[in-house]
Amino acid sequence: MKQFIKTLFCLGFVLILAGCAARSTVVLIPDPDGRVGQLVVANEGGQQILNEKNQSVKVADVKTSPGQVTTMSAEEIRTTFADTLAAEPLPPVRFILYFMQGSDELTDDSKAMLPKIFQTIKSRESTDIVISGHTDTVGEKEYNYTLSLERAKAIFKILVVHGAVPAHITATSHGEGNPLIKTADEVAEPKNRRVEVTVR
């Protein structure tokens, strides 16, 4: 089947169903945030371009040109590709937790978000959790690196207390070097005082 497909620019997912006598169906579905790329389905007989949500094409063999482009309904896709979709990994879930100025203490709004993170880790039985600590630009770079590490460690401890396996967590410290909102030096930006938690 792979010899039939040439990707020019693909942001979406491609589903392929191989049937009898090498017949295959190719469908282009959006990625989790709704974007759709472009896919060229080509063989010795010709080619078809898929560039819209849920467009599909049938391919009989290597020498016969791909069939007409059609659009499958969401229900058709769910039914036809049930096994493939069931095996597809869930997209990662990202949370951003914010902190008080110069501290590893969470804001009240971020504290309220913690149960949702615990539930996500539990429901996914996650074995891949990434914690990234960050600061704003107030203070020296060395201090901010240490502070962002302390923030990451604080979230690490909270997650472990609530059931996450330590070996499944990776914690990193970025200091002020990777701001969510770019600012000049010595600017107290609340959205940069954060820890990002990614659950896969």
C-alpha atoms as a PDB file:
ATOM      1  CA  MET A   1       0.000   0.000   0.000  1.00  0.00           C
ATOM      2  CA  LYS A   2       2.815   2.412   0.790  1.00  0.00           C
ATOM      3  CA  GLN A   3       3.884   2.561  -2.861  1.00  0.00           C
ATOM      4  CA  PHE A   4       0.542   4.228  -3.663  1.00  0.00           C
ATOM      5  CA  ILE A   5       1.038   7.221  -1.389  1.00  0.00           C
ATOM      6  CA  LYS A   6       3.287  10.228  -1.764  1.00  0.00           C
ATOM      7  CA  THR A   7       2.954  12.943   0.861  1.00  0.00           C
ATOM      8  CA  LEU A   8       3.502  16.561  -0.184  1.00  0.00           C
ATOM      9  CA  PHE A   9       2.328  18.294   2.977  1.00  0.00           C
ATOM     10  CA  CYS A  10       0.300  16.464   5.556  1.00  0.00           C
ATOM     11  CA  LEU A  11      -0.891  17.843   8.884  1.00  0.00           C
ATOM     12  CA  GLY A  12      -3.838  15.489   9.174  1.00  0.00           C
ATOM     13  CA  PHE A  13      -4.020  11.765   9.802  1.00  0.00           C
ATOM     14  CA  VAL A  14      -4.206   9.211   7.017  1.00  0.00           C
ATOM     15  CA  LEU A  15      -6.291   6.076   7.443  1.00  0.00           C
ATOM     16  CA  ILE A  16      -5.633   3.144   5.135  1.00  0.00           C
ATOM     17  CA  LEU A  17      -7.823   0.070   4.813  1.00  0.00           C
ATOM     18  CA  ALA A  18      -6.328  -2.763   2.781  1.00  0.00           C
ATOM     19  CA  GLY A  19      -8.829  -5.210   1.335  1.00  0.00           C
ATOM     20  CA  CYS A  20      -8.851  -8.247  -0.932  1.00  0.00           C
ATOM     21  CA  ALA A  21      -6.677  -8.365  -4.065  1.00  0.00           C
ATOM     22  CA  ALA A  22      -4.649  -5.359  -2.876  1.00  0.00           C
ATOM     23  CA  ARG A  23      -7.672  -2.998  -2.978  1.00  0.00           C
ATOM     24  CA  SER A  24      -7.207  -0.165  -0.526  1.00  0.00           C
ATOM     25  CA  THR A  25      -9.124   2.846   0.739  1.00  0.00           C
ATOM     26  CA  VAL A  26      -7.252   5.975   1.795  1.00  0.00           C
ATOM     27  CA  VAL A  27      -8.957   8.750   3.790  1.00  0.00           C
ATOM     28  CA  LEU A  28      -7.547  12.036   5.103  1.00  0.00           C
ATOM     29  CA  ILE A  29      -8.888  13.095   8.503  1.00  0.00           C
ATOM     30  CA  PRO A  30      -8.068  16.245  10.509  1.00  0.00           C
ATOM     31  CA  ASP A  31      -5.461  16.248  13.244  1.00  0.00           C
ATOM     32  CA  PRO A  32      -6.708  16.851  16.831  1.00  0.00           C
ATOM     33  CA  ASP A  33      -6.796  20.656  16.449  1.00  0.00           C
ATOM     34  CA  GLY A  34      -8.775  20.471  13.210  1.00  0.00           C
ATOM     35  CA  ARG A  35      -6.057  21.191  10.670  1.00  0.00           C
ATOM     36  CA  VAL A  36      -6.037  19.245   7.398  1.00  0.00           C
ATOM     37  CA  GLY A  37      -3.002  18.901   5.170  1.00  0.00           C
ATOM     38  CA  GLN A  38      -2.641  17.594   1.640  1.00  0.00           C
ATOM     39  CA  LEU A  39      -1.955  14.082   0.433  1.00  0.00           C
ATOM     40  CA  VAL A  40      -1.178  12.789  -3.052  1.00  0.00           C
ATOM     41  CA  VAL A  41      -2.257   9.187  -3.652  1.00  0.00           C
ATOM     42  CA  ALA A  42      -0.282   8.061  -6.709  1.00  0.00           C
ATOM     43  CA  ASN A  43       0.676   4.902  -8.576  1.00  0.00           C
ATOM     44  CA  GLU A  44       1.723   3.914 -12.092  1.00  0.00           C
ATOM     45  CA  GLY A  45      -1.780   4.625 -13.425  1.00  0.00           C
ATOM     46  CA  GLY A  46      -2.176   8.173 -12.137  1.00  0.00           C
ATOM     47  CA  GLN A  47      -2.842  10.183  -9.002  1.00  0.00           C
ATOM     48  CA  GLN A  48      -5.496  11.884  -6.894  1.00  0.00           C
ATOM     49  CA  ILE A  49      -5.077  14.725  -4.400  1.00  0.00           C
ATOM     50  CA  LEU A  50      -6.786  14.687  -1.000  1.00  0.00           C
ATOM     51  CA  ASN A  51      -6.844  18.115   0.673  1.00  0.00           C
ATOM     52  CA  GLU A  52     -10.171  18.408   2.474  1.00  0.00           C
ATOM     53  CA  LYS A  53     -11.566  16.872   5.652  1.00  0.00           C
ATOM     54  CA  ASN A  54     -12.564  13.191   5.267  1.00  0.00           C
ATOM     55  CA  GLN A  55     -11.812  12.990   1.555  1.00  0.00           C
ATOM     56  CA  SER A  56     -11.121   9.431   0.442  1.00  0.00           C
ATOM     57  CA  VAL A  57     -10.042   7.459  -2.599  1.00  0.00           C
ATOM     58  CA  LYS A  58     -10.003   3.757  -3.475  1.00  0.00           C
ATOM     59  CA  VAL A  59      -6.938   2.147  -5.055  1.00  0.00           C
ATOM     60  CA  ALA A  60      -7.373  -1.180  -6.869  1.00  0.00           C
ATOM     61  CA  ASP A  61      -3.736  -2.045  -7.605  1.00  0.00           C
ATOM     62  CA  VAL A  62      -0.385  -0.580  -8.618  1.00  0.00           C
ATOM     63  CA  LYS A  63      -1.258  -0.085 -12.294  1.00  0.00           C
ATOM     64  CA  THR A  64      -4.894   1.108 -12.138  1.00  0.00           C
ATOM     65  CA  SER A  65      -5.352   4.829 -11.546  1.00  0.00           C
ATOM     66  CA  PRO A  66      -6.814   5.710  -8.121  1.00  0.00           C
ATOM     67  CA  GLY A  67     -10.601   6.136  -8.214  1.00  0.00           C
ATOM     68  CA  GLN A  68     -12.632   9.313  -7.888  1.00  0.00           C
ATOM     69  CA  VAL A  69     -12.194  11.395  -4.746  1.00  0.00           C
ATOM     70  CA  THR A  70     -15.230  11.166  -2.466  1.00  0.00           C
ATOM     71  CA  THR A  71     -16.000  12.394   1.049  1.00  0.00           C
ATOM     72  CA  MET A  72     -16.768   9.874   3.778  1.00  0.00           C
ATOM     73  CA  SER A  73     -19.135  10.691   6.627  1.00  0.00           C
ATOM     74  CA  ALA A  74     -17.870  10.573  10.199  1.00  0.00           C
ATOM     75  CA  GLU A  75     -20.028   7.486  10.781  1.00  0.00           C
ATOM     76  CA  GLU A  76     -18.568   5.715   7.725  1.00  0.00           C
ATOM     77  CA  ILE A  77     -15.060   6.434   8.972  1.00  0.00           C
ATOM     78  CA  ARG A  78     -15.859   5.152  12.459  1.00  0.00           C
ATOM     79  CA  THR A  79     -17.376   1.959  11.057  1.00  0.00           C
ATOM     80  CA  THR A  80     -14.840   1.271   8.312  1.00  0.00           C
ATOM     81  CA  PHE A  81     -11.738   2.069  10.351  1.00  0.00           C
ATOM     82  CA  ALA A  82     -12.889   0.993  13.824  1.00  0.00           C
ATOM     83  CA  ASP A  83      -9.867  -1.250  14.471  1.00  0.00           C
ATOM     84  CA  THR A  84      -7.384   1.323  13.162  1.00  0.00           C
ATOM     85  CA  LEU A  85      -8.879   4.143  15.217  1.00  0.00           C
ATOM     86  CA  ALA A  86      -8.936   1.978  18.348  1.00  0.00           C
ATOM     87  CA  ALA A  87      -5.208   1.333  17.963  1.00  0.00           C
ATOM     88  CA  GLU A  88      -4.382   5.018  17.376  1.00  0.00           C
ATOM     89  CA  PRO A  89      -2.688   6.605  20.419  1.00  0.00           C
ATOM     90  CA  LEU A  90      -4.583   9.432  22.084  1.00  0.00           C
ATOM     91  CA  PRO A  91      -3.152  12.896  21.429  1.00  0.00           C
ATOM     92  CA  PRO A  92      -1.211  14.371  24.359  1.00  0.00           C
ATOM     93  CA  VAL A  93      -3.050  16.589  26.847  1.00  0.00           C
ATOM     94  CA  ARG A  94      -1.292  19.750  27.997  1.00  0.00           C
ATOM     95  CA  PHE A  95      -1.982  21.700  31.170  1.00  0.00           C
ATOM     96  CA  ILE A  96      -0.455  25.013  32.254  1.00  0.00           C
ATOM     97  CA  LEU A  97      -0.193  25.758  35.963  1.00  0.00           C
ATOM     98  CA  TYR A  98       0.672  29.280  37.145  1.00  0.00           C
ATOM     99  CA  PHE A  99       2.638  30.363  40.222  1.00  0.00           C
ATOM    100  CA  MET A 100       2.893  33.260  42.615  1.00  0.00           C
ATOM    101  CA  GLN A 101       5.708  35.756  41.963  1.00  0.00           C
ATOM    102  CA  GLY A 102       9.122  34.418  43.025  1.00  0.00           C
ATOM    103  CA  SER A 103       7.555  31.298  44.546  1.00  0.00           C
ATOM    104  CA  ASP A 104       6.816  27.627  43.948  1.00  0.00           C
ATOM    105  CA  GLU A 105       3.273  28.139  45.287  1.00  0.00           C
ATOM    106  CA  LEU A 106       0.476  27.674  42.776  1.00  0.00           C
ATOM    107  CA  THR A 107      -2.182  30.310  42.171  1.00  0.00           C
ATOM    108  CA  ASP A 108      -5.664  29.426  43.416  1.00  0.00           C
ATOM    109  CA  ASP A 109      -6.958  28.879  39.869  1.00  0.00           C
ATOM    110  CA  SER A 110      -4.137  26.454  39.154  1.00  0.00           C
ATOM    111  CA  LYS A 111      -4.714  24.570  42.399  1.00  0.00           C
ATOM    112  CA  ALA A 112      -8.297  24.054  41.243  1.00  0.00           C
ATOM    113  CA  MET A 113      -7.009  22.491  38.014  1.00  0.00           C
ATOM    114  CA  LEU A 114      -4.994  19.752  39.752  1.00  0.00           C
ATOM    115  CA  PRO A 115      -7.843  17.194  40.095  1.00  0.00           C
ATOM    116  CA  LYS A 116      -8.319  17.272  36.321  1.00  0.00           C
ATOM    117  CA  ILE A 117      -4.638  16.453  35.832  1.00  0.00           C
ATOM    118  CA  PHE A 118      -4.834  13.589  38.336  1.00  0.00           C
ATOM    119  CA  GLN A 119      -7.900  12.206  36.548  1.00  0.00           C
ATOM    120  CA  THR A 120      -6.256  12.464  33.124  1.00  0.00           C
ATOM    121  CA  ILE A 121      -3.180  10.561  34.298  1.00  0.00           C
ATOM    122  CA  LYS A 122      -5.351   7.901  35.916  1.00  0.00           C
ATOM    123  CA  SER A 123      -7.800   7.439  33.029  1.00  0.00           C
ATOM    124  CA  ARG A 124      -5.015   7.166  30.461  1.00  0.00           C
ATOM    125  CA  GLU A 125      -2.864   4.983  32.712  1.00  0.00           C
ATOM    126  CA  SER A 126      -0.111   7.326  31.558  1.00  0.00           C
ATOM    127  CA  THR A 127       3.491   6.179  31.506  1.00  0.00           C
ATOM    128  CA  ASP A 128       4.786   9.380  29.873  1.00  0.00           C
ATOM    129  CA  ILE A 129       4.361  12.616  31.827  1.00  0.00           C
ATOM    130  CA  VAL A 130       6.556  15.647  31.165  1.00  0.00           C
ATOM    131  CA  ILE A 131       6.813  18.565  33.607  1.00  0.00           C
ATOM    132  CA  SER A 132       8.517  21.762  32.384  1.00  0.00           C
ATOM    133  CA  GLY A 133       9.263  24.561  34.842  1.00  0.00           C
ATOM    134  CA  HIS A 134       9.464  28.222  33.755  1.00  0.00           C
ATOM    135  CA  THR A 135       9.804  31.744  35.191  1.00  0.00           C
ATOM    136  CA  ASP A 136       9.361  35.333  34.111  1.00  0.00           C
ATOM    137  CA  THR A 137      12.404  37.588  33.603  1.00  0.00           C
ATOM    138  CA  VAL A 138      12.500  39.128  37.081  1.00  0.00           C
ATOM    139  CA  GLY A 139      15.821  38.267  38.755  1.00  0.00           C
ATOM    140  CA  GLU A 140      19.111  36.753  37.623  1.00  0.00           C
ATOM    141  CA  LYS A 141      19.098  33.916  35.095  1.00  0.00           C
ATOM    142  CA  GLU A 142      20.754  31.502  37.532  1.00  0.00           C
ATOM    143  CA  TYR A 143      18.136  32.278  40.174  1.00  0.00           C
ATOM    144  CA  ASN A 144      15.324  31.775  37.682  1.00  0.00           C
ATOM    145  CA  TYR A 145      16.737  28.449  36.544  1.00  0.00           C
ATOM    146  CA  THR A 146      16.715  27.262  40.155  1.00  0.00           C
ATOM    147  CA  LEU A 147      13.214  28.659  40.739  1.00  0.00           C
ATOM    148  CA  SER A 148      11.805  26.944  37.658  1.00  0.00           C
ATOM    149  CA  LEU A 149      13.379  23.684  38.828  1.00  0.00           C
ATOM    150  CA  GLU A 150      11.764  24.120  42.248  1.00  0.00           C
ATOM    151  CA  ARG A 151       8.405  24.654  40.556  1.00  0.00           C
ATOM    152  CA  ALA A 152       8.846  21.500  38.485  1.00  0.00           C
ATOM    153  CA  LYS A 153       9.844  19.552  41.607  1.00  0.00           C
ATOM    154  CA  ALA A 154       6.800  20.844  43.486  1.00  0.00           C
ATOM    155  CA  ILE A 155       4.452  19.564  40.777  1.00  0.00           C
ATOM    156  CA  PHE A 156       6.394  16.300  40.567  1.00  0.00           C
ATOM    157  CA  LYS A 157       5.777  15.716  44.283  1.00  0.00           C
ATOM    158  CA  ILE A 158       2.075  16.580  43.997  1.00  0.00           C
ATOM    159  CA  LEU A 159       1.569  14.166  41.100  1.00  0.00           C
ATOM    160  CA  VAL A 160       3.398  11.343  42.881  1.00  0.00           C
ATOM    161  CA  VAL A 161       1.352  11.855  46.057  1.00  0.00           C
ATOM    162  CA  HIS A 162      -1.778  11.480  43.913  1.00  0.00           C
ATOM    163  CA  GLY A 163      -0.749   8.239  42.259  1.00  0.00           C
ATOM    164  CA  ALA A 164       1.634   9.026  39.397  1.00  0.00           C
ATOM    165  CA  VAL A 165       4.619   6.677  39.142  1.00  0.00           C
ATOM    166  CA  PRO A 166       7.893   8.617  39.606  1.00  0.00           C
ATOM    167  CA  ALA A 167       9.626   6.624  36.858  1.00  0.00           C
ATOM    168  CA  HIS A 168       6.933   7.764  34.409  1.00  0.00           C
ATOM    169  CA  ILE A 169       7.663  11.470  34.982  1.00  0.00           C
ATOM    170  CA  THR A 170      10.340  13.607  33.324  1.00  0.00           C
ATOM    171  CA  ALA A 171      10.958  17.018  34.916  1.00  0.00           C
ATOM    172  CA  THR A 172      12.859  19.825  33.186  1.00  0.00           C
ATOM    173  CA  SER A 173      13.826  23.388  34.090  1.00  0.00           C
ATOM    174  CA  HIS A 174      13.891  26.195  31.530  1.00  0.00           C
ATOM    175  CA  GLY A 175      14.343  29.222  33.763  1.00  0.00           C
ATOM    176  CA  GLU A 176      13.371  32.412  31.921  1.00  0.00           C
ATOM    177  CA  GLY A 177      14.642  31.050  28.597  1.00  0.00           C
ATOM    178  CA  ASN A 178      11.376  29.820  27.092  1.00  0.00           C
ATOM    179  CA  PRO A 179       8.677  32.411  27.850  1.00  0.00           C
ATOM    180  CA  LEU A 180       5.057  31.973  26.887  1.00  0.00           C
ATOM    181  CA  ILE A 181       4.917  35.744  26.381  1.00  0.00           C
ATOM    182  CA  LYS A 182       8.122  37.490  25.285  1.00  0.00           C
ATOM    183  CA  THR A 183       9.054  40.446  27.463  1.00  0.00           C
ATOM    184  CA  ALA A 184      12.018  42.665  28.232  1.00  0.00           C
ATOM    185  CA  ASP A 185      14.266  41.803  31.177  1.00  0.00           C
ATOM    186  CA  GLU A 186      12.915  42.353  34.700  1.00  0.00           C
ATOM    187  CA  VAL A 187       9.252  42.172  33.649  1.00  0.00           C
ATOM    188  CA  ALA A 188       6.860  40.402  36.028  1.00  0.00           C
ATOM    189  CA  GLU A 189       4.652  38.477  33.592  1.00  0.00           C
ATOM    190  CA  PRO A 190       2.207  36.122  35.367  1.00  0.00           C
ATOM    191  CA  LYS A 191       1.750  33.839  32.339  1.00  0.00           C
ATOM    192  CA  ASN A 192       5.483  33.109  32.235  1.00  0.00           C
ATOM    193  CA  ARG A 193       5.526  31.941  35.869  1.00  0.00           C
ATOM    194  CA  ARG A 194       4.350  28.461  35.036  1.00  0.00           C
ATOM    195  CA  VAL A 195       4.780  24.716  34.848  1.00  0.00           C
ATOM    196  CA  GLU A 196       3.572  22.912  31.748  1.00  0.00           C
ATOM    197  CA  VAL A 197       2.377  19.341  32.303  1.00  0.00           C
ATOM    198  CA  THR A 198       2.064  17.117  29.232  1.00  0.00           C
ATOM    199  CA  VAL A 199       0.306  13.776  29.658  1.00  0.00           C
ATOM    200  CA  ARG A 200       0.613  11.143  26.936  1.00  0.00           C
END
